[in-house]
C-alpha atoms as a PDB file:
ATOM      1  CA  MET A   1     129.463  34.950 179.553  1.00  0.00           C
ATOM      2  CA  GLU A   2     125.989  36.302 178.889  1.00  0.00           C
ATOM      3  CA  ASN A   3     126.439  36.031 175.135  1.00  0.00           C
ATOM      4  CA  ALA A   4     127.470  32.377 175.381  1.00  0.00           C
ATOM      5  CA  ALA A   5     124.451  31.594 177.561  1.00  0.00           C
ATOM      6  CA  THR A   6     122.029  33.267 175.164  1.00  0.00           C
ATOM      7  CA  ASP A   7     123.595  31.476 172.178  1.00  0.00           C
ATOM      8  CA  ASN A   8     123.115  28.137 173.890  1.00  0.00           C
ATOM      9  CA  THR A   9     119.514  28.990 174.716  1.00  0.00           C
ATOM     10  CA  ILE A  10     118.797  29.750 171.066  1.00  0.00           C
ATOM     11  CA  TRP A  11     120.245  26.387 170.014  1.00  0.00           C
ATOM     12  CA  TYR A  12     118.210  24.537 172.642  1.00  0.00           C
ATOM     13  CA  VAL A  13     115.014  26.226 171.440  1.00  0.00           C
ATOM     14  CA  LEU A  14     115.810  25.359 167.807  1.00  0.00           C
ATOM     15  CA  VAL A  15     116.480  21.716 168.692  1.00  0.00           C
ATOM     16  CA  VAL A  16     113.212  21.420 170.636  1.00  0.00           C
ATOM     17  CA  LEU A  17     111.237  22.999 167.782  1.00  0.00           C
ATOM     18  CA  GLY A  18     112.925  20.630 165.321  1.00  0.00           C
ATOM     19  CA  LEU A  19     112.006  17.596 167.418  1.00  0.00           C
ATOM     20  CA  ILE A  20     108.390  18.737 167.702  1.00  0.00           C
ATOM     21  CA  TYR A  21     108.283  19.226 163.908  1.00  0.00           C
ATOM     22  CA  LEU A  22     109.628  15.708 163.303  1.00  0.00           C
ATOM     23  CA  ILE A  23     107.137  14.167 165.751  1.00  0.00           C
ATOM     24  CA  ILE A  24     104.257  15.918 163.980  1.00  0.00           C
ATOM     25  CA  LEU A  25     105.517  14.695 160.583  1.00  0.00           C
ATOM     26  CA  VAL A  26     105.712  11.077 161.783  1.00  0.00           C
ATOM     27  CA  ARG A  27     102.226  11.200 163.320  1.00  0.00           C
ATOM     28  CA  ASN A  28     100.737  12.691 160.147  1.00  0.00           C
ATOM     29  CA  LYS A  29     102.311   9.948 158.022  1.00  0.00           C
ATOM     30  CA  LYS A  30     100.875   7.261 160.302  1.00  0.00           C
ATOM     31  CA  ALA A  31      97.431   8.898 160.235  1.00  0.00           C
ATOM     32  CA  THR A  32      97.529   9.090 156.430  1.00  0.00           C
ATOM     33  CA  LYS A  33      98.435   5.402 156.170  1.00  0.00           C
ATOM     34  CA  ARG A  34      95.592   4.505 158.544  1.00  0.00           C
ATOM     35  CA  ARG A  35      93.138   6.544 156.480  1.00  0.00           C
ATOM     36  CA  LYS A  36      94.298   4.927 153.223  1.00  0.00           C
ATOM     37  CA  SER A  37      94.069   1.407 154.639  1.00  0.00           C
ATOM     38  CA  ARG A  38      90.624   2.154 156.057  1.00  0.00           C
ATOM     39  CA  ARG A  39      89.462   3.396 152.652  1.00  0.00           C
ATOM     40  CA  PHE A  40      90.868   0.260 151.036  1.00  0.00           C
ATOM     41  CA  MET A  41      89.067  -2.002 153.515  1.00  0.00           C
ATOM     42  CA  GLU A  42      85.788  -0.149 153.020  1.00  0.00           C
ATOM     43  CA  GLY A  43      86.083  -0.691 149.277  1.00  0.00           C
ATOM     44  CA  LYS A  44      86.668  -4.412 149.819  1.00  0.00           C
ATOM     45  CA  ARG A  45      83.617  -4.694 152.077  1.00  0.00           C
ATOM     46  CA  ARG A  46      81.419  -2.901 149.542  1.00  0.00           C
ATOM     47  CA  HIS A  47      82.687  -5.185 146.794  1.00  0.00           C
ATOM     48  CA  ASN A  48      81.981  -8.316 148.859  1.00  0.00           C
ATOM     49  CA  GLU A  49      78.456  -7.178 149.767  1.00  0.00           C
ATOM     50  CA  GLN A  50      77.353  -6.670 146.155  1.00  0.00           C
END
């Protein structure tokens, strides 16, 4: 029984690490989009001011 319990624990740890990895990927993509859109808006403002 001990082997089965340790195998399950390993799978649970791998699943949790995978979920954390996916959450970080999604947040980084959103942050990149925000940065790009901000850069785009800054360019528009500069163009309108001149």
